[in-house]
Amino acid sequence: MAAHLAFNTRMSAREAIDTLATVGAVAPQPQGRKSLDARMRESEQARLGPDGEKPATGKNALVSKMTSLYDTARGNK
């Protein structure tokens, strides 16, 4: 803005300074798109368990645990 007032107008130095003081600080415009890193840092992280289900209770919990141990021993996912 200061360069524009200095080179492209016929304002005096005092008028240009007053204009800049009136306008105040201007935040720079964002350049292009945000990087993937920046977008990932800003996103909310969802923490889900396997298949996003609630943990089993009672007998179902025992069956789920035994099945999980069996799958681990066999190398299944």
PDB file of N, CA and C in Angstrom:
ATOM      1  N   MET A   1       0.832  -1.182   0.000  1.00  0.00           N
ATOM      2  CA  MET A   1       0.000   0.000   0.000  1.00  0.00           C
ATOM      3  C   MET A   1       0.883   1.255   0.000  1.00  0.00           C
ATOM      4  N   ALA A   2       1.924   1.225   0.830  1.00  0.00           N
ATOM      5  CA  ALA A   2       2.817   2.384   0.897  1.00  0.00           C
ATOM      6  C   ALA A   2       3.499   2.622  -0.444  1.00  0.00           C
ATOM      7  N   ALA A   3       3.934   1.549  -1.093  1.00  0.00           N
ATOM      8  CA  ALA A   3       4.590   1.690  -2.396  1.00  0.00           C
ATOM      9  C   ALA A   3       3.616   2.257  -3.422  1.00  0.00           C
ATOM     10  N   HIS A   4       2.384   1.822  -3.391  1.00  0.00           N
ATOM     11  CA  HIS A   4       1.373   2.340  -4.321  1.00  0.00           C
ATOM     12  C   HIS A   4       1.177   3.836  -4.101  1.00  0.00           C
ATOM     13  N   LEU A   5       1.039   4.253  -2.848  1.00  0.00           N
ATOM     14  CA  LEU A   5       0.856   5.677  -2.565  1.00  0.00           C
ATOM     15  C   LEU A   5       2.079   6.489  -2.975  1.00  0.00           C
ATOM     16  N   ALA A   6       3.265   5.925  -2.809  1.00  0.00           N
ATOM     17  CA  ALA A   6       4.492   6.654  -3.130  1.00  0.00           C
ATOM     18  C   ALA A   6       4.700   6.815  -4.630  1.00  0.00           C
ATOM     19  N   PHE A   7       4.432   5.762  -5.396  1.00  0.00           N
ATOM     20  CA  PHE A   7       4.790   5.787  -6.815  1.00  0.00           C
ATOM     21  C   PHE A   7       3.624   6.046  -7.761  1.00  0.00           C
ATOM     22  N   ASN A   8       2.403   5.816  -7.339  1.00  0.00           N
ATOM     23  CA  ASN A   8       1.272   5.919  -8.262  1.00  0.00           C
ATOM     24  C   ASN A   8       0.297   7.044  -7.930  1.00  0.00           C
ATOM     25  N   THR A   9       0.584   7.868  -6.956  1.00  0.00           N
ATOM     26  CA  THR A   9      -0.289   8.999  -6.634  1.00  0.00           C
ATOM     27  C   THR A   9       0.553  10.263  -6.521  1.00  0.00           C
ATOM     28  N   ARG A  10      -0.137  11.385  -6.443  1.00  0.00           N
ATOM     29  CA  ARG A  10       0.561  12.660  -6.280  1.00  0.00           C
ATOM     30  C   ARG A  10       0.383  13.185  -4.853  1.00  0.00           C
ATOM     31  N   MET A  11       0.153  12.278  -3.909  1.00  0.00           N
ATOM     32  CA  MET A  11      -0.010  12.686  -2.510  1.00  0.00           C
ATOM     33  C   MET A  11       1.321  13.154  -1.944  1.00  0.00           C
ATOM     34  N   SER A  12       1.214  14.073  -0.993  1.00  0.00           N
ATOM     35  CA  SER A  12       2.424  14.468  -0.268  1.00  0.00           C
ATOM     36  C   SER A  12       2.762  13.355   0.721  1.00  0.00           C
ATOM     37  N   ALA A  13       3.964  13.401   1.252  1.00  0.00           N
ATOM     38  CA  ALA A  13       4.379  12.379   2.219  1.00  0.00           C
ATOM     39  C   ALA A  13       3.458  12.396   3.433  1.00  0.00           C
ATOM     40  N   ARG A  14       3.091  13.594   3.917  1.00  0.00           N
ATOM     41  CA  ARG A  14       2.227  13.719   5.092  1.00  0.00           C
ATOM     42  C   ARG A  14       0.852  13.100   4.804  1.00  0.00           C
ATOM     43  N   GLU A  15       0.277  13.345   3.622  1.00  0.00           N
ATOM     44  CA  GLU A  15      -1.032  12.778   3.271  1.00  0.00           C
ATOM     45  C   GLU A  15      -0.955  11.251   3.185  1.00  0.00           C
ATOM     46  N   ALA A  16       0.118  10.748   2.603  1.00  0.00           N
ATOM     47  CA  ALA A  16       0.282   9.293   2.483  1.00  0.00           C
ATOM     48  C   ALA A  16       0.408   8.650   3.858  1.00  0.00           C
ATOM     49  N   ILE A  17       1.167   9.277   4.757  1.00  0.00           N
ATOM     50  CA  ILE A  17       1.328   8.744   6.117  1.00  0.00           C
ATOM     51  C   ILE A  17      -0.003   8.755   6.844  1.00  0.00           C
ATOM     52  N   ASP A  18      -0.762   9.849   6.710  1.00  0.00           N
ATOM     53  CA  ASP A  18      -2.082   9.923   7.348  1.00  0.00           C
ATOM     54  C   ASP A  18      -3.025   8.855   6.791  1.00  0.00           C
ATOM     55  N   THR A  19      -2.973   8.638   5.480  1.00  0.00           N
ATOM     56  CA  THR A  19      -3.818   7.609   4.867  1.00  0.00           C
ATOM     57  C   THR A  19      -3.457   6.229   5.399  1.00  0.00           C
ATOM     58  N   LEU A  20      -2.167   5.933   5.487  1.00  0.00           N
ATOM     59  CA  LEU A  20      -1.729   4.633   6.010  1.00  0.00           C
ATOM     60  C   LEU A  20      -2.130   4.465   7.472  1.00  0.00           C
ATOM     61  N   ALA A  21      -2.049   5.534   8.249  1.00  0.00           N
ATOM     62  CA  ALA A  21      -2.445   5.457   9.658  1.00  0.00           C
ATOM     63  C   ALA A  21      -3.945   5.207   9.781  1.00  0.00           C
ATOM     64  N   THR A  22      -4.733   5.814   8.886  1.00  0.00           N
ATOM     65  CA  THR A  22      -6.184   5.627   8.913  1.00  0.00           C
ATOM     66  C   THR A  22      -6.558   4.202   8.523  1.00  0.00           C
ATOM     67  N   VAL A  23      -5.894   3.675   7.508  1.00  0.00           N
ATOM     68  CA  VAL A  23      -6.190   2.325   7.032  1.00  0.00           C
ATOM     69  C   VAL A  23      -5.790   1.299   8.076  1.00  0.00           C
ATOM     70  N   GLY A  24      -4.680   1.509   8.756  1.00  0.00           N
ATOM     71  CA  GLY A  24      -4.206   0.574   9.773  1.00  0.00           C
ATOM     72  C   GLY A  24      -3.479  -0.595   9.143  1.00  0.00           C
ATOM     73  N   ALA A  25      -3.125  -1.529   9.986  1.00  0.00           N
ATOM     74  CA  ALA A  25      -2.394  -2.710   9.519  1.00  0.00           C
ATOM     75  C   ALA A  25      -3.332  -3.614   8.734  1.00  0.00           C
ATOM     76  N   VAL A  26      -2.873  -4.049   7.609  1.00  0.00           N
ATOM     77  CA  VAL A  26      -3.657  -4.942   6.759  1.00  0.00           C
ATOM     78  C   VAL A  26      -3.002  -6.312   6.779  1.00  0.00           C
ATOM     79  N   ALA A  27      -3.783  -7.337   7.089  1.00  0.00           N
ATOM     80  CA  ALA A  27      -3.251  -8.703   7.099  1.00  0.00           C
ATOM     81  C   ALA A  27      -2.975  -9.140   5.669  1.00  0.00           C
ATOM     82  N   PRO A  28      -1.860  -9.817   5.438  1.00  0.00           N
ATOM     83  CA  PRO A  28      -1.565 -10.286   4.086  1.00  0.00           C
ATOM     84  C   PRO A  28      -2.592 -11.318   3.630  1.00  0.00           C
ATOM     85  N   GLN A  29      -2.898 -11.277   2.359  1.00  0.00           N
ATOM     86  CA  GLN A  29      -3.842 -12.231   1.789  1.00  0.00           C
ATOM     87  C   GLN A  29      -3.196 -13.609   1.722  1.00  0.00           C
ATOM     88  N   PRO A  30      -3.942 -14.662   2.060  1.00  0.00           N
ATOM     89  CA  PRO A  30      -3.370 -16.006   1.964  1.00  0.00           C
ATOM     90  C   PRO A  30      -3.021 -16.332   0.512  1.00  0.00           C
ATOM     91  N   GLN A  31      -1.881 -16.929   0.340  1.00  0.00           N
ATOM     92  CA  GLN A  31      -1.404 -17.261  -0.992  1.00  0.00           C
ATOM     93  C   GLN A  31      -1.786 -18.689  -1.350  1.00  0.00           C
ATOM     94  N   GLY A  32      -2.641 -18.851  -2.320  1.00  0.00           N
ATOM     95  CA  GLY A  32      -2.983 -20.182  -2.818  1.00  0.00           C
ATOM     96  C   GLY A  32      -3.691 -21.048  -1.796  1.00  0.00           C
ATOM     97  N   ARG A  33      -3.619 -22.332  -2.011  1.00  0.00           N
ATOM     98  CA  ARG A  33      -4.263 -23.303  -1.127  1.00  0.00           C
ATOM     99  C   ARG A  33      -3.355 -23.666   0.029  1.00  0.00           C
ATOM    100  N   LYS A  34      -3.985 -24.121   1.104  1.00  0.00           N
ATOM    101  CA  LYS A  34      -3.216 -24.613   2.245  1.00  0.00           C
ATOM    102  C   LYS A  34      -2.612 -25.962   1.880  1.00  0.00           C
ATOM    103  N   SER A  35      -1.482 -26.248   2.481  1.00  0.00           N
ATOM    104  CA  SER A  35      -0.852 -27.544   2.232  1.00  0.00           C
ATOM    105  C   SER A  35      -1.657 -28.641   2.923  1.00  0.00           C
ATOM    106  N   LEU A  36      -1.435 -29.868   2.529  1.00  0.00           N
ATOM    107  CA  LEU A  36      -2.123 -31.000   3.147  1.00  0.00           C
ATOM    108  C   LEU A  36      -1.782 -31.073   4.628  1.00  0.00           C
ATOM    109  N   ASP A  37      -0.518 -30.814   4.980  1.00  0.00           N
ATOM    110  CA  ASP A  37      -0.116 -30.824   6.392  1.00  0.00           C
ATOM    111  C   ASP A  37      -0.944 -29.837   7.204  1.00  0.00           C
ATOM    112  N   ALA A  38      -1.110 -28.632   6.693  1.00  0.00           N
ATOM    113  CA  ALA A  38      -1.864 -27.605   7.417  1.00  0.00           C
ATOM    114  C   ALA A  38      -3.319 -28.018   7.574  1.00  0.00           C
ATOM    115  N   ARG A  39      -3.910 -28.566   6.521  1.00  0.00           N
ATOM    116  CA  ARG A  39      -5.312 -28.994   6.610  1.00  0.00           C
ATOM    117  C   ARG A  39      -5.477 -30.160   7.571  1.00  0.00           C
ATOM    118  N   MET A  40      -4.523 -31.093   7.603  1.00  0.00           N
ATOM    119  CA  MET A  40      -4.621 -32.237   8.515  1.00  0.00           C
ATOM    120  C   MET A  40      -4.472 -31.794   9.968  1.00  0.00           C
ATOM    121  N   ARG A  41      -3.590 -30.807  10.228  1.00  0.00           N
ATOM    122  CA  ARG A  41      -3.417 -30.312  11.596  1.00  0.00           C
ATOM    123  C   ARG A  41      -4.683 -29.644  12.109  1.00  0.00           C
ATOM    124  N   GLU A  42      -5.437 -28.992  11.225  1.00  0.00           N
ATOM    125  CA  GLU A  42      -6.638 -28.269  11.631  1.00  0.00           C
ATOM    126  C   GLU A  42      -7.859 -29.169  11.764  1.00  0.00           C
ATOM    127  N   SER A  43      -7.823 -30.345  11.170  1.00  0.00           N
ATOM    128  CA  SER A  43      -9.014 -31.195  11.187  1.00  0.00           C
ATOM    129  C   SER A  43      -9.165 -31.899  12.524  1.00  0.00           C
ATOM    130  N   GLU A  44     -10.400 -32.209  12.855  1.00  0.00           N
ATOM    131  CA  GLU A  44     -10.677 -32.931  14.095  1.00  0.00           C
ATOM    132  C   GLU A  44     -10.409 -34.412  13.866  1.00  0.00           C
ATOM    133  N   GLN A  45      -9.661 -35.015  14.763  1.00  0.00           N
ATOM    134  CA  GLN A  45      -9.291 -36.415  14.619  1.00  0.00           C
ATOM    135  C   GLN A  45     -10.339 -37.307  15.267  1.00  0.00           C
ATOM    136  N   ALA A  46     -10.896 -38.206  14.513  1.00  0.00           N
ATOM    137  CA  ALA A  46     -11.859 -39.164  15.051  1.00  0.00           C
ATOM    138  C   ALA A  46     -11.103 -40.404  15.512  1.00  0.00           C
ATOM    139  N   ARG A  47     -11.342 -40.814  16.723  1.00  0.00           N
ATOM    140  CA  ARG A  47     -10.676 -42.000  17.281  1.00  0.00           C
ATOM    141  C   ARG A  47     -11.705 -43.120  17.374  1.00  0.00           C
ATOM    142  N   LEU A  48     -11.662 -44.024  16.434  1.00  0.00           N
ATOM    143  CA  LEU A  48     -12.600 -45.136  16.411  1.00  0.00           C
ATOM    144  C   LEU A  48     -11.875 -46.438  16.667  1.00  0.00           C
ATOM    145  N   GLY A  49     -12.572 -47.349  17.289  1.00  0.00           N
ATOM    146  CA  GLY A  49     -12.043 -48.688  17.474  1.00  0.00           C
ATOM    147  C   GLY A  49     -12.331 -49.499  16.226  1.00  0.00           C
ATOM    148  N   PRO A  50     -12.064 -50.797  16.264  1.00  0.00           N
ATOM    149  CA  PRO A  50     -12.368 -51.640  15.107  1.00  0.00           C
ATOM    150  C   PRO A  50     -13.841 -51.534  14.740  1.00  0.00           C
ATOM    151  N   ASP A  51     -14.112 -51.171  13.515  1.00  0.00           N
ATOM    152  CA  ASP A  51     -15.461 -51.023  12.971  1.00  0.00           C
ATOM    153  C   ASP A  51     -16.285 -49.969  13.697  1.00  0.00           C
ATOM    154  N   GLY A  52     -15.703 -49.183  14.548  1.00  0.00           N
ATOM    155  CA  GLY A  52     -16.405 -48.106  15.222  1.00  0.00           C
ATOM    156  C   GLY A  52     -17.517 -48.567  16.138  1.00  0.00           C
ATOM    157  N   GLU A  53     -17.431 -49.771  16.666  1.00  0.00           N
ATOM    158  CA  GLU A  53     -18.485 -50.307  17.525  1.00  0.00           C
ATOM    159  C   GLU A  53     -18.170 -50.048  18.988  1.00  0.00           C
ATOM    160  N   LYS A  54     -19.216 -50.097  19.820  1.00  0.00           N
ATOM    161  CA  LYS A  54     -19.027 -50.008  21.264  1.00  0.00           C
ATOM    162  C   LYS A  54     -18.466 -51.340  21.749  1.00  0.00           C
ATOM    163  N   PRO A  55     -17.678 -51.323  22.826  1.00  0.00           N
ATOM    164  CA  PRO A  55     -17.133 -52.582  23.337  1.00  0.00           C
ATOM    165  C   PRO A  55     -18.246 -53.511  23.827  1.00  0.00           C
ATOM    166  N   ALA A  56     -18.046 -54.789  23.580  1.00  0.00           N
ATOM    167  CA  ALA A  56     -19.034 -55.788  23.997  1.00  0.00           C
ATOM    168  C   ALA A  56     -19.001 -55.958  25.514  1.00  0.00           C
ATOM    169  N   THR A  57     -20.123 -56.421  26.058  1.00  0.00           N
ATOM    170  CA  THR A  57     -20.206 -56.661  27.502  1.00  0.00           C
ATOM    171  C   THR A  57     -20.695 -58.079  27.750  1.00  0.00           C
ATOM    172  N   GLY A  58     -20.404 -58.582  28.926  1.00  0.00           N
ATOM    173  CA  GLY A  58     -20.891 -59.905  29.324  1.00  0.00           C
ATOM    174  C   GLY A  58     -20.282 -61.021  28.506  1.00  0.00           C
ATOM    175  N   LYS A  59     -21.129 -61.987  28.116  1.00  0.00           N
ATOM    176  CA  LYS A  59     -20.657 -63.144  27.345  1.00  0.00           C
ATOM    177  C   LYS A  59     -20.130 -62.728  25.980  1.00  0.00           C
ATOM    178  N   ASN A  60     -20.737 -61.703  25.404  1.00  0.00           N
ATOM    179  CA  ASN A  60     -20.263 -61.233  24.100  1.00  0.00           C
ATOM    180  C   ASN A  60     -18.832 -60.706  24.185  1.00  0.00           C
ATOM    181  N   ALA A  61     -18.476 -60.107  25.318  1.00  0.00           N
ATOM    182  CA  ALA A  61     -17.113 -59.612  25.498  1.00  0.00           C
ATOM    183  C   ALA A  61     -16.124 -60.766  25.517  1.00  0.00           C
ATOM    184  N   LEU A  62     -16.481 -61.847  26.203  1.00  0.00           N
ATOM    185  CA  LEU A  62     -15.607 -63.019  26.268  1.00  0.00           C
ATOM    186  C   LEU A  62     -15.425 -63.627  24.883  1.00  0.00           C
ATOM    187  N   VAL A  63     -16.517 -63.754  24.141  1.00  0.00           N
ATOM    188  CA  VAL A  63     -16.439 -64.315  22.784  1.00  0.00           C
ATOM    189  C   VAL A  63     -15.574 -63.422  21.899  1.00  0.00           C
ATOM    190  N   SER A  64     -15.760 -62.112  21.989  1.00  0.00           N
ATOM    191  CA  SER A  64     -14.970 -61.181  21.177  1.00  0.00           C
ATOM    192  C   SER A  64     -13.490 -61.278  21.515  1.00  0.00           C
ATOM    193  N   LYS A  65     -13.178 -61.372  22.800  1.00  0.00           N
ATOM    194  CA  LYS A  65     -11.784 -61.461  23.231  1.00  0.00           C
ATOM    195  C   LYS A  65     -11.142 -62.759  22.740  1.00  0.00           C
ATOM    196  N   MET A  66     -11.836 -63.870  22.887  1.00  0.00           N
ATOM    197  CA  MET A  66     -11.294 -65.159  22.447  1.00  0.00           C
ATOM    198  C   MET A  66     -11.119 -65.176  20.928  1.00  0.00           C
ATOM    199  N   THR A  67     -12.073 -64.611  20.207  1.00  0.00           N
ATOM    200  CA  THR A  67     -11.965 -64.548  18.746  1.00  0.00           C
ATOM    201  C   THR A  67     -10.768 -63.694  18.346  1.00  0.00           C
ATOM    202  N   SER A  68     -10.582 -62.580  19.039  1.00  0.00           N
ATOM    203  CA  SER A  68      -9.451 -61.702  18.758  1.00  0.00           C
ATOM    204  C   SER A  68      -8.124 -62.416  19.010  1.00  0.00           C
ATOM    205  N   LEU A  69      -8.026 -63.134  20.126  1.00  0.00           N
ATOM    206  CA  LEU A  69      -6.803 -63.884  20.435  1.00  0.00           C
ATOM    207  C   LEU A  69      -6.544 -64.972  19.400  1.00  0.00           C
ATOM    208  N   TYR A  70      -7.599 -65.667  18.985  1.00  0.00           N
ATOM    209  CA  TYR A  70      -7.474 -66.710  17.963  1.00  0.00           C
ATOM    210  C   TYR A  70      -6.973 -66.105  16.649  1.00  0.00           C
ATOM    211  N   ASP A  71      -7.587 -64.988  16.248  1.00  0.00           N
ATOM    212  CA  ASP A  71      -7.184 -64.340  15.001  1.00  0.00           C
ATOM    213  C   ASP A  71      -5.732 -63.870  15.069  1.00  0.00           C
ATOM    214  N   THR A  72      -5.320 -63.353  16.222  1.00  0.00           N
ATOM    215  CA  THR A  72      -3.942 -62.905  16.387  1.00  0.00           C
ATOM    216  C   THR A  72      -2.974 -64.078  16.267  1.00  0.00           C
ATOM    217  N   ALA A  73      -3.313 -65.199  16.887  1.00  0.00           N
ATOM    218  CA  ALA A  73      -2.455 -66.385  16.835  1.00  0.00           C
ATOM    219  C   ALA A  73      -2.357 -66.933  15.413  1.00  0.00           C
ATOM    220  N   ARG A  74      -3.438 -66.844  14.668  1.00  0.00           N
ATOM    221  CA  ARG A  74      -3.463 -67.353  13.291  1.00  0.00           C
ATOM    222  C   ARG A  74      -2.887 -66.358  12.288  1.00  0.00           C
ATOM    223  N   GLY A  75      -2.712 -65.103  12.713  1.00  0.00           N
ATOM    224  CA  GLY A  75      -2.185 -64.089  11.793  1.00  0.00           C
ATOM    225  C   GLY A  75      -3.261 -63.412  10.975  1.00  0.00           C
ATOM    226  N   ASN A  76      -4.518 -63.605  11.336  1.00  0.00           N
ATOM    227  CA  ASN A  76      -5.622 -62.930  10.642  1.00  0.00           C
ATOM    228  C   ASN A  76      -5.800 -61.536  11.213  1.00  0.00           C
ATOM    229  N   LYS A  77      -6.381 -60.682  10.407  1.00  0.00           N
ATOM    230  CA  LYS A  77      -6.640 -59.319  10.885  1.00  0.00           C
ATOM    231  C   LYS A  77      -8.003 -59.240  11.504  1.00  0.00           C
TER     232      LYS A  77
END
